[in-house]
């Protein structure tokens, strides 16, 4: 039986690793936070002391890490112990350039890298309904497909380039984040002239303005006073990585810079742990002025 490894057991990784265990796979896990490891160990995973220890025991290693810099550090540890024929499946939101560079480097050791970021948030990870955008060798994806199916409802091969998965992920998040900012502005303006939020969303959702914010975030979260559970710090990080990707590709994203600036202002107001729905609250505070001048 193929032994699986999972490094990074946060709000996404912990849930994905647990699905792999529940599907009957042998899973070796590591996270620098002992409490995160304990939660997955209780489901039946085997905890080890380092990333290198995961590499020594696993044939396929999943990564779910905070940023590309951490990915590079962890992979540097992994490559000291991973054997030829092993695969790394990186679900981190990273940059195409980083993924491509790691894939080229590890190929010399006979290790294959799939860039396989996910979309669907913590609820998708919990329910096993994530979407995975996979860049890299198709045969390796086919071999890993049963593992991805443990936590995903949609697995899409977006290209043979290992960086293509992360490219699509950054573009997807760009559209999602832009929709949140634009919809928030539209709704604040509509409210200012007396329109009802629910009515506006009902109309948008049967018209050409329909998007993820009108269909999901406003009806199910903002109007209900609930958080989406996607932190502003992560939202801004994704936009920063997007702009880095655009710069590397020599394609300017003017709107992307504006959206990042708006999210950055919201983050400054509500902090890294603020929710992406706070974009609406921030715009409501800053867009509407007191016409009396009092």
C-alpha atoms as a PDB file:
ATOM      1  CA  UNK A   1       0.000   0.000   0.000  1.00  0.00           C
ATOM      2  CA  UNK A   2       1.233   3.494  -0.855  1.00  0.00           C
ATOM      3  CA  UNK A   3       2.100   5.499   2.244  1.00  0.00           C
ATOM      4  CA  UNK A   4       0.922   9.102   2.261  1.00  0.00           C
ATOM      5  CA  UNK A   5       2.425  12.080   4.030  1.00  0.00           C
ATOM      6  CA  UNK A   6       0.785  15.369   4.930  1.00  0.00           C
ATOM      7  CA  UNK A   7       2.664  18.465   6.096  1.00  0.00           C
ATOM      8  CA  UNK A   8       0.708  21.497   7.283  1.00  0.00           C
ATOM      9  CA  UNK A   9      -2.372  20.678   9.350  1.00  0.00           C
ATOM     10  CA  UNK A  10      -4.111  24.028   9.620  1.00  0.00           C
ATOM     11  CA  UNK A  11      -7.714  24.935   8.841  1.00  0.00           C
ATOM     12  CA  UNK A  12      -7.437  23.318   5.406  1.00  0.00           C
ATOM     13  CA  UNK A  13      -4.679  20.743   5.723  1.00  0.00           C
ATOM     14  CA  UNK A  14      -5.974  19.189   8.920  1.00  0.00           C
ATOM     15  CA  UNK A  15      -9.348  18.513   7.356  1.00  0.00           C
ATOM     16  CA  UNK A  16      -7.874  17.151   4.128  1.00  0.00           C
ATOM     17  CA  UNK A  17      -5.506  14.847   5.998  1.00  0.00           C
ATOM     18  CA  UNK A  18      -8.380  13.571   8.129  1.00  0.00           C
ATOM     19  CA  UNK A  19     -10.354  12.643   5.005  1.00  0.00           C
ATOM     20  CA  UNK A  20      -7.378  10.635   3.742  1.00  0.00           C
ATOM     21  CA  UNK A  21      -7.207   8.735   7.032  1.00  0.00           C
ATOM     22  CA  UNK A  22     -10.938   8.072   7.030  1.00  0.00           C
ATOM     23  CA  UNK A  23     -10.659   6.717   3.495  1.00  0.00           C
ATOM     24  CA  UNK A  24      -8.387   4.005   4.863  1.00  0.00           C
ATOM     25  CA  UNK A  25      -4.995   5.339   3.799  1.00  0.00           C
ATOM     26  CA  UNK A  26      -1.843   5.147   5.897  1.00  0.00           C
ATOM     27  CA  UNK A  27      -0.968   8.798   6.560  1.00  0.00           C
ATOM     28  CA  UNK A  28       2.166  10.188   8.216  1.00  0.00           C
ATOM     29  CA  UNK A  29       1.747  13.799   9.356  1.00  0.00           C
ATOM     30  CA  UNK A  30       3.807  16.721  10.574  1.00  0.00           C
ATOM     31  CA  UNK A  31       3.021  20.235  11.737  1.00  0.00           C
ATOM     32  CA  UNK A  32       5.173  22.428  13.955  1.00  0.00           C
ATOM     33  CA  UNK A  33       2.094  22.973  16.153  1.00  0.00           C
ATOM     34  CA  UNK A  34       1.636  19.938  18.359  1.00  0.00           C
ATOM     35  CA  UNK A  35      -2.081  20.576  18.893  1.00  0.00           C
ATOM     36  CA  UNK A  36      -2.713  20.512  15.136  1.00  0.00           C
ATOM     37  CA  UNK A  37      -0.940  17.163  14.879  1.00  0.00           C
ATOM     38  CA  UNK A  38      -2.851  15.737  17.820  1.00  0.00           C
ATOM     39  CA  UNK A  39      -6.197  16.434  16.157  1.00  0.00           C
ATOM     40  CA  UNK A  40      -5.266  14.410  13.066  1.00  0.00           C
ATOM     41  CA  UNK A  41      -3.497  11.716  15.078  1.00  0.00           C
ATOM     42  CA  UNK A  42      -6.753  11.160  16.949  1.00  0.00           C
ATOM     43  CA  UNK A  43      -8.342  10.235  13.618  1.00  0.00           C
ATOM     44  CA  UNK A  44      -5.659   7.589  13.043  1.00  0.00           C
ATOM     45  CA  UNK A  45      -2.708   9.364  11.413  1.00  0.00           C
ATOM     46  CA  UNK A  46       0.873   8.763  12.537  1.00  0.00           C
ATOM     47  CA  UNK A  47       2.637  11.888  13.784  1.00  0.00           C
ATOM     48  CA  UNK A  48       6.380  12.321  13.260  1.00  0.00           C
ATOM     49  CA  UNK A  49       8.962  14.840  14.433  1.00  0.00           C
ATOM     50  CA  UNK A  50       9.928  16.611  11.206  1.00  0.00           C
ATOM     51  CA  UNK A  51       9.267  17.113   7.514  1.00  0.00           C
ATOM     52  CA  UNK A  52      12.306  14.957   6.782  1.00  0.00           C
ATOM     53  CA  UNK A  53      10.710  12.128   8.768  1.00  0.00           C
ATOM     54  CA  UNK A  54       7.616  12.379   6.569  1.00  0.00           C
ATOM     55  CA  UNK A  55       9.802  12.093   3.476  1.00  0.00           C
ATOM     56  CA  UNK A  56      11.511   9.016   4.880  1.00  0.00           C
ATOM     57  CA  UNK A  57       8.199   7.167   5.263  1.00  0.00           C
ATOM     58  CA  UNK A  58       5.891   8.454   2.519  1.00  0.00           C
ATOM     59  CA  UNK A  59       5.648   7.841  -1.216  1.00  0.00           C
ATOM     60  CA  UNK A  60       3.258  10.749  -1.848  1.00  0.00           C
ATOM     61  CA  UNK A  61       3.530  13.896   0.284  1.00  0.00           C
ATOM     62  CA  UNK A  62       0.820  16.548   0.435  1.00  0.00           C
ATOM     63  CA  UNK A  63       1.671  20.111   1.455  1.00  0.00           C
ATOM     64  CA  UNK A  64      -0.761  22.695   2.830  1.00  0.00           C
ATOM     65  CA  UNK A  65       1.417  25.565   3.997  1.00  0.00           C
ATOM     66  CA  UNK A  66       1.059  29.301   4.709  1.00  0.00           C
ATOM     67  CA  UNK A  67       3.042  30.724   1.790  1.00  0.00           C
ATOM     68  CA  UNK A  68       5.637  29.957  -0.909  1.00  0.00           C
ATOM     69  CA  UNK A  69       8.564  30.713   1.397  1.00  0.00           C
ATOM     70  CA  UNK A  70       7.475  28.009   3.822  1.00  0.00           C
ATOM     71  CA  UNK A  71       6.983  25.609   0.911  1.00  0.00           C
ATOM     72  CA  UNK A  72      10.582  26.131  -0.178  1.00  0.00           C
ATOM     73  CA  UNK A  73      11.873  25.534   3.362  1.00  0.00           C
ATOM     74  CA  UNK A  74       9.830  22.362   3.827  1.00  0.00           C
ATOM     75  CA  UNK A  75      10.749  20.956   0.423  1.00  0.00           C
ATOM     76  CA  UNK A  76      14.432  21.532   1.198  1.00  0.00           C
ATOM     77  CA  UNK A  77      13.974  19.261   4.221  1.00  0.00           C
ATOM     78  CA  UNK A  78      11.903  16.724   2.324  1.00  0.00           C
ATOM     79  CA  UNK A  79      14.368  16.262  -0.492  1.00  0.00           C
ATOM     80  CA  UNK A  80      16.970  14.950   1.934  1.00  0.00           C
ATOM     81  CA  UNK A  81      14.869  11.843   2.538  1.00  0.00           C
ATOM     82  CA  UNK A  82      12.382  11.411  -0.336  1.00  0.00           C
ATOM     83  CA  UNK A  83      13.197   8.506  -2.597  1.00  0.00           C
ATOM     84  CA  UNK A  84      13.159   8.351  -6.382  1.00  0.00           C
ATOM     85  CA  UNK A  85       9.633   7.787  -7.660  1.00  0.00           C
ATOM     86  CA  UNK A  86       8.027   9.841  -4.893  1.00  0.00           C
ATOM     87  CA  UNK A  87       5.592  12.683  -5.563  1.00  0.00           C
ATOM     88  CA  UNK A  88       4.857  15.984  -3.854  1.00  0.00           C
ATOM     89  CA  UNK A  89       1.327  17.362  -4.172  1.00  0.00           C
ATOM     90  CA  UNK A  90       1.367  21.029  -3.179  1.00  0.00           C
ATOM     91  CA  UNK A  91      -2.093  22.313  -2.241  1.00  0.00           C
ATOM     92  CA  UNK A  92      -0.674  25.584  -0.877  1.00  0.00           C
ATOM     93  CA  UNK A  93      -1.699  28.858  -2.520  1.00  0.00           C
ATOM     94  CA  UNK A  94       1.688  29.551  -4.068  1.00  0.00           C
ATOM     95  CA  UNK A  95       3.200  31.129  -7.176  1.00  0.00           C
ATOM     96  CA  UNK A  96       3.608  29.393 -10.526  1.00  0.00           C
ATOM     97  CA  UNK A  97       7.286  30.345 -10.628  1.00  0.00           C
ATOM     98  CA  UNK A  98       7.997  28.723  -7.258  1.00  0.00           C
ATOM     99  CA  UNK A  99       6.212  25.503  -8.180  1.00  0.00           C
ATOM    100  CA  UNK A 100       7.939  25.311 -11.541  1.00  0.00           C
ATOM    101  CA  UNK A 101      11.356  25.898  -9.967  1.00  0.00           C
ATOM    102  CA  UNK A 102      10.851  23.194  -7.348  1.00  0.00           C
ATOM    103  CA  UNK A 103       9.608  20.730  -9.952  1.00  0.00           C
ATOM    104  CA  UNK A 104      12.678  21.282 -12.114  1.00  0.00           C
ATOM    105  CA  UNK A 105      15.013  20.902  -9.146  1.00  0.00           C
ATOM    106  CA  UNK A 106      13.408  17.747  -7.773  1.00  0.00           C
ATOM    107  CA  UNK A 107      13.183  16.084 -11.167  1.00  0.00           C
ATOM    108  CA  UNK A 108      16.927  15.446 -10.921  1.00  0.00           C
ATOM    109  CA  UNK A 109      16.189  13.250  -7.881  1.00  0.00           C
ATOM    110  CA  UNK A 110      13.341  11.405  -9.587  1.00  0.00           C
ATOM    111  CA  UNK A 111      10.666  13.229  -7.553  1.00  0.00           C
ATOM    112  CA  UNK A 112       7.584  14.601  -9.333  1.00  0.00           C
ATOM    113  CA  UNK A 113       5.772  17.759  -8.230  1.00  0.00           C
ATOM    114  CA  UNK A 114       2.093  18.485  -8.829  1.00  0.00           C
ATOM    115  CA  UNK A 115       0.893  22.020  -8.180  1.00  0.00           C
ATOM    116  CA  UNK A 116      -2.575  21.274  -6.839  1.00  0.00           C
ATOM    117  CA  UNK A 117      -4.107  24.240  -4.992  1.00  0.00           C
ATOM    118  CA  UNK A 118      -7.669  23.978  -3.764  1.00  0.00           C
ATOM    119  CA  UNK A 119     -10.781  26.143  -3.678  1.00  0.00           C
ATOM    120  CA  UNK A 120     -13.825  25.816  -1.457  1.00  0.00           C
ATOM    121  CA  UNK A 121     -12.624  27.093   1.892  1.00  0.00           C
ATOM    122  CA  UNK A 122     -12.761  25.413   5.269  1.00  0.00           C
ATOM    123  CA  UNK A 123     -16.326  24.225   4.702  1.00  0.00           C
ATOM    124  CA  UNK A 124     -15.304  22.527   1.463  1.00  0.00           C
ATOM    125  CA  UNK A 125     -12.387  20.869   3.230  1.00  0.00           C
ATOM    126  CA  UNK A 126     -14.671  19.744   6.047  1.00  0.00           C
ATOM    127  CA  UNK A 127     -17.277  18.318   3.674  1.00  0.00           C
ATOM    128  CA  UNK A 128     -14.841  16.832   1.172  1.00  0.00           C
ATOM    129  CA  UNK A 129     -16.173  19.008  -1.655  1.00  0.00           C
ATOM    130  CA  UNK A 130     -13.094  21.017  -2.644  1.00  0.00           C
ATOM    131  CA  UNK A 131     -12.079  21.832  -6.191  1.00  0.00           C
ATOM    132  CA  UNK A 132      -8.458  20.954  -7.016  1.00  0.00           C
ATOM    133  CA  UNK A 133      -6.655  22.649  -9.923  1.00  0.00           C
ATOM    134  CA  UNK A 134      -3.766  20.414 -10.908  1.00  0.00           C
ATOM    135  CA  UNK A 135      -0.736  21.379 -12.949  1.00  0.00           C
ATOM    136  CA  UNK A 136       1.867  18.769 -13.823  1.00  0.00           C
ATOM    137  CA  UNK A 137       2.381  15.294 -15.203  1.00  0.00           C
ATOM    138  CA  UNK A 138      -0.915  13.645 -16.129  1.00  0.00           C
ATOM    139  CA  UNK A 139       0.263  10.138 -15.267  1.00  0.00           C
ATOM    140  CA  UNK A 140       1.238  11.280 -11.768  1.00  0.00           C
ATOM    141  CA  UNK A 141      -2.164  12.906 -11.367  1.00  0.00           C
ATOM    142  CA  UNK A 142      -3.860   9.679 -12.448  1.00  0.00           C
ATOM    143  CA  UNK A 143      -1.855   7.777  -9.817  1.00  0.00           C
ATOM    144  CA  UNK A 144      -2.819  10.306  -7.129  1.00  0.00           C
ATOM    145  CA  UNK A 145      -6.428  10.776  -8.190  1.00  0.00           C
ATOM    146  CA  UNK A 146      -7.916   8.445  -5.580  1.00  0.00           C
ATOM    147  CA  UNK A 147      -6.234  10.453  -2.821  1.00  0.00           C
ATOM    148  CA  UNK A 148      -7.499  13.779  -4.139  1.00  0.00           C
ATOM    149  CA  UNK A 149     -10.992  12.315  -4.424  1.00  0.00           C
ATOM    150  CA  UNK A 150     -10.950  11.782  -0.654  1.00  0.00           C
ATOM    151  CA  UNK A 151     -11.410  15.515  -0.070  1.00  0.00           C
ATOM    152  CA  UNK A 152     -12.471  16.920  -3.448  1.00  0.00           C
ATOM    153  CA  UNK A 153     -15.617  16.931  -5.545  1.00  0.00           C
ATOM    154  CA  UNK A 154     -13.834  18.355  -8.592  1.00  0.00           C
ATOM    155  CA  UNK A 155     -10.311  17.552  -9.767  1.00  0.00           C
ATOM    156  CA  UNK A 156      -9.279  19.393 -12.938  1.00  0.00           C
ATOM    157  CA  UNK A 157      -6.017  18.919 -14.833  1.00  0.00           C
ATOM    158  CA  UNK A 158      -5.280  22.439 -16.079  1.00  0.00           C
ATOM    159  CA  UNK A 159      -1.954  21.787 -17.821  1.00  0.00           C
ATOM    160  CA  UNK A 160       1.276  19.815 -17.917  1.00  0.00           C
ATOM    161  CA  UNK A 161       3.267  22.736 -16.492  1.00  0.00           C
ATOM    162  CA  UNK A 162       3.477  22.229 -12.690  1.00  0.00           C
ATOM    163  CA  UNK A 163       2.886  25.967 -12.228  1.00  0.00           C
ATOM    164  CA  UNK A 164      -0.399  26.040 -14.105  1.00  0.00           C
ATOM    165  CA  UNK A 165      -2.456  24.871 -11.135  1.00  0.00           C
ATOM    166  CA  UNK A 166      -1.228  27.765  -9.029  1.00  0.00           C
ATOM    167  CA  UNK A 167      -1.791  30.182 -11.905  1.00  0.00           C
ATOM    168  CA  UNK A 168      -5.459  29.188 -12.152  1.00  0.00           C
ATOM    169  CA  UNK A 169      -5.834  29.362  -8.367  1.00  0.00           C
ATOM    170  CA  UNK A 170      -4.510  32.930  -8.212  1.00  0.00           C
ATOM    171  CA  UNK A 171      -6.759  33.976 -11.088  1.00  0.00           C
ATOM    172  CA  UNK A 172      -9.774  32.357  -9.437  1.00  0.00           C
ATOM    173  CA  UNK A 173      -9.115  34.143  -6.155  1.00  0.00           C
ATOM    174  CA  UNK A 174      -8.605  37.409  -8.029  1.00  0.00           C
ATOM    175  CA  UNK A 175     -12.080  37.109  -9.524  1.00  0.00           C
ATOM    176  CA  UNK A 176     -13.594  36.114  -6.182  1.00  0.00           C
ATOM    177  CA  UNK A 177     -11.933  38.949  -4.269  1.00  0.00           C
ATOM    178  CA  UNK A 178     -12.771  41.506  -6.940  1.00  0.00           C
ATOM    179  CA  UNK A 179     -16.392  40.362  -6.884  1.00  0.00           C
ATOM    180  CA  UNK A 180     -16.501  40.872  -3.117  1.00  0.00           C
ATOM    181  CA  UNK A 181     -15.169  44.432  -3.365  1.00  0.00           C
ATOM    182  CA  UNK A 182     -17.330  45.432  -6.338  1.00  0.00           C
ATOM    183  CA  UNK A 183     -20.492  43.872  -4.897  1.00  0.00           C
ATOM    184  CA  UNK A 184     -19.902  45.579  -1.555  1.00  0.00           C
ATOM    185  CA  UNK A 185     -19.612  48.954  -3.283  1.00  0.00           C
ATOM    186  CA  UNK A 186     -22.753  48.327  -5.323  1.00  0.00           C
ATOM    187  CA  UNK A 187     -24.776  47.266  -2.295  1.00  0.00           C
ATOM    188  CA  UNK A 188     -23.622  50.213  -0.165  1.00  0.00           C
ATOM    189  CA  UNK A 189     -24.661  52.575  -2.961  1.00  0.00           C
ATOM    190  CA  UNK A 190     -27.994  50.804  -3.354  1.00  0.00           C
ATOM    191  CA  UNK A 191     -28.679  50.959   0.373  1.00  0.00           C
ATOM    192  CA  UNK A 192     -27.920  54.669   0.367  1.00  0.00           C
ATOM    193  CA  UNK A 193     -30.856  55.271  -1.984  1.00  0.00           C
ATOM    194  CA  UNK A 194     -33.179  52.962  -0.029  1.00  0.00           C
ATOM    195  CA  UNK A 195     -32.788  49.601  -1.751  1.00  0.00           C
ATOM    196  CA  UNK A 196     -33.004  46.351   0.214  1.00  0.00           C
ATOM    197  CA  UNK A 197     -29.952  44.049   0.232  1.00  0.00           C
ATOM    198  CA  UNK A 198     -31.954  40.862  -0.272  1.00  0.00           C
ATOM    199  CA  UNK A 199     -33.923  42.374  -3.134  1.00  0.00           C
ATOM    200  CA  UNK A 200     -30.768  43.592  -4.853  1.00  0.00           C
ATOM    201  CA  UNK A 201     -29.129  40.167  -4.592  1.00  0.00           C
ATOM    202  CA  UNK A 202     -32.277  38.464  -5.878  1.00  0.00           C
ATOM    203  CA  UNK A 203     -32.180  40.672  -8.968  1.00  0.00           C
ATOM    204  CA  UNK A 204     -28.427  40.361  -9.480  1.00  0.00           C
ATOM    205  CA  UNK A 205     -28.667  36.580  -9.261  1.00  0.00           C
ATOM    206  CA  UNK A 206     -31.072  36.349 -12.204  1.00  0.00           C
ATOM    207  CA  UNK A 207     -29.168  39.005 -14.151  1.00  0.00           C
ATOM    208  CA  UNK A 208     -25.712  39.566 -15.584  1.00  0.00           C
ATOM    209  CA  UNK A 209     -24.273  40.890 -12.313  1.00  0.00           C
ATOM    210  CA  UNK A 210     -24.437  37.444 -10.685  1.00  0.00           C
ATOM    211  CA  UNK A 211     -21.210  36.387  -8.933  1.00  0.00           C
ATOM    212  CA  UNK A 212     -19.975  34.470  -5.884  1.00  0.00           C
ATOM    213  CA  UNK A 213     -20.606  37.425  -3.571  1.00  0.00           C
ATOM    214  CA  UNK A 214     -24.215  37.944  -4.672  1.00  0.00           C
ATOM    215  CA  UNK A 215     -25.001  34.221  -4.695  1.00  0.00           C
ATOM    216  CA  UNK A 216     -23.271  33.173  -1.508  1.00  0.00           C
ATOM    217  CA  UNK A 217     -21.391  35.693   0.591  1.00  0.00           C
ATOM    218  CA  UNK A 218     -24.097  38.326   0.973  1.00  0.00           C
ATOM    219  CA  UNK A 219     -27.221  36.123   1.316  1.00  0.00           C
ATOM    220  CA  UNK A 220     -25.628  33.422   3.483  1.00  0.00           C
ATOM    221  CA  UNK A 221     -23.015  35.340   5.463  1.00  0.00           C
ATOM    222  CA  UNK A 222     -23.165  39.149   5.421  1.00  0.00           C
ATOM    223  CA  UNK A 223     -26.936  39.369   5.827  1.00  0.00           C
ATOM    224  CA  UNK A 224     -26.851  36.651   8.491  1.00  0.00           C
ATOM    225  CA  UNK A 225     -24.023  38.301  10.424  1.00  0.00           C
ATOM    226  CA  UNK A 226     -21.761  35.282   9.856  1.00  0.00           C
ATOM    227  CA  UNK A 227     -18.116  35.100   8.813  1.00  0.00           C
ATOM    228  CA  UNK A 228     -17.058  33.355   5.613  1.00  0.00           C
ATOM    229  CA  UNK A 229     -14.030  32.132   7.603  1.00  0.00           C
ATOM    230  CA  UNK A 230     -11.495  33.544   5.153  1.00  0.00           C
ATOM    231  CA  UNK A 231      -9.126  35.943   6.872  1.00  0.00           C
ATOM    232  CA  UNK A 232      -8.234  39.360   5.502  1.00  0.00           C
ATOM    233  CA  UNK A 233      -4.554  38.547   5.930  1.00  0.00           C
ATOM    234  CA  UNK A 234      -4.956  35.588   3.568  1.00  0.00           C
ATOM    235  CA  UNK A 235      -7.088  37.611   1.184  1.00  0.00           C
ATOM    236  CA  UNK A 236      -4.406  40.280   0.854  1.00  0.00           C
ATOM    237  CA  UNK A 237      -1.666  37.637   0.598  1.00  0.00           C
ATOM    238  CA  UNK A 238      -3.435  36.033  -2.359  1.00  0.00           C
ATOM    239  CA  UNK A 239      -3.689  39.406  -4.092  1.00  0.00           C
ATOM    240  CA  UNK A 240      -0.009  40.085  -3.436  1.00  0.00           C
ATOM    241  CA  UNK A 241       0.915  36.727  -4.976  1.00  0.00           C
ATOM    242  CA  UNK A 242      -1.350  37.484  -7.932  1.00  0.00           C
ATOM    243  CA  UNK A 243       0.405  40.783  -8.599  1.00  0.00           C
ATOM    244  CA  UNK A 244       3.783  39.057  -8.301  1.00  0.00           C
ATOM    245  CA  UNK A 245       2.602  36.473 -10.843  1.00  0.00           C
ATOM    246  CA  UNK A 246       1.420  39.267 -13.159  1.00  0.00           C
ATOM    247  CA  UNK A 247       4.728  41.092 -12.828  1.00  0.00           C
ATOM    248  CA  UNK A 248       6.684  37.899 -13.539  1.00  0.00           C
ATOM    249  CA  UNK A 249       4.512  37.447 -16.641  1.00  0.00           C
ATOM    250  CA  UNK A 250       4.939  41.107 -17.681  1.00  0.00           C
ATOM    251  CA  UNK A 251       1.184  41.664 -17.716  1.00  0.00           C
ATOM    252  CA  UNK A 252       0.010  44.642 -15.624  1.00  0.00           C
ATOM    253  CA  UNK A 253      -3.226  44.213 -13.657  1.00  0.00           C
ATOM    254  CA  UNK A 254      -4.490  47.716 -12.972  1.00  0.00           C
ATOM    255  CA  UNK A 255      -7.723  46.579 -11.332  1.00  0.00           C
ATOM    256  CA  UNK A 256      -5.794  44.025  -9.306  1.00  0.00           C
ATOM    257  CA  UNK A 257      -3.749  46.802  -7.728  1.00  0.00           C
ATOM    258  CA  UNK A 258      -6.909  48.716  -6.820  1.00  0.00           C
ATOM    259  CA  UNK A 259      -8.533  45.647  -5.257  1.00  0.00           C
ATOM    260  CA  UNK A 260      -5.401  44.883  -3.256  1.00  0.00           C
ATOM    261  CA  UNK A 261      -5.316  48.475  -1.995  1.00  0.00           C
ATOM    262  CA  UNK A 262      -8.941  48.256  -0.867  1.00  0.00           C
ATOM    263  CA  UNK A 263      -8.382  44.942   0.884  1.00  0.00           C
ATOM    264  CA  UNK A 264      -5.243  46.360   2.486  1.00  0.00           C
ATOM    265  CA  UNK A 265      -7.220  49.277   3.924  1.00  0.00           C
ATOM    266  CA  UNK A 266      -9.802  46.853   5.303  1.00  0.00           C
ATOM    267  CA  UNK A 267      -7.041  44.725   6.821  1.00  0.00           C
ATOM    268  CA  UNK A 268      -5.542  47.819   8.472  1.00  0.00           C
ATOM    269  CA  UNK A 269      -8.949  48.551  10.001  1.00  0.00           C
ATOM    270  CA  UNK A 270      -9.930  45.021  11.112  1.00  0.00           C
ATOM    271  CA  UNK A 271      -6.584  43.203  11.383  1.00  0.00           C
ATOM    272  CA  UNK A 272      -5.165  40.045   9.802  1.00  0.00           C
ATOM    273  CA  UNK A 273      -7.815  37.883  11.443  1.00  0.00           C
ATOM    274  CA  UNK A 274     -10.710  40.001  10.222  1.00  0.00           C
ATOM    275  CA  UNK A 275     -13.053  38.217   7.822  1.00  0.00           C
ATOM    276  CA  UNK A 276     -13.338  38.964   4.114  1.00  0.00           C
ATOM    277  CA  UNK A 277     -16.918  40.088   4.750  1.00  0.00           C
ATOM    278  CA  UNK A 278     -15.417  43.039   6.641  1.00  0.00           C
ATOM    279  CA  UNK A 279     -14.725  44.556   3.215  1.00  0.00           C
ATOM    280  CA  UNK A 280     -18.418  45.422   3.120  1.00  0.00           C
ATOM    281  CA  UNK A 281     -18.345  46.886   6.636  1.00  0.00           C
ATOM    282  CA  UNK A 282     -15.290  48.989   5.799  1.00  0.00           C
ATOM    283  CA  UNK A 283     -16.834  50.347   2.611  1.00  0.00           C
ATOM    284  CA  UNK A 284     -20.077  51.112   4.413  1.00  0.00           C
ATOM    285  CA  UNK A 285     -18.065  53.137   6.943  1.00  0.00           C
ATOM    286  CA  UNK A 286     -15.986  55.010   4.384  1.00  0.00           C
ATOM    287  CA  UNK A 287     -18.302  55.488   1.396  1.00  0.00           C
ATOM    288  CA  UNK A 288     -21.253  57.042   3.198  1.00  0.00           C
ATOM    289  CA  UNK A 289     -20.662  60.575   4.438  1.00  0.00           C
ATOM    290  CA  UNK A 290     -22.745  62.841   6.639  1.00  0.00           C
ATOM    291  CA  UNK A 291     -24.173  65.408   4.234  1.00  0.00           C
ATOM    292  CA  UNK A 292     -24.966  67.810   7.062  1.00  0.00           C
ATOM    293  CA  UNK A 293     -21.265  68.247   7.799  1.00  0.00           C
ATOM    294  CA  UNK A 294     -21.881  67.618  11.526  1.00  0.00           C
END
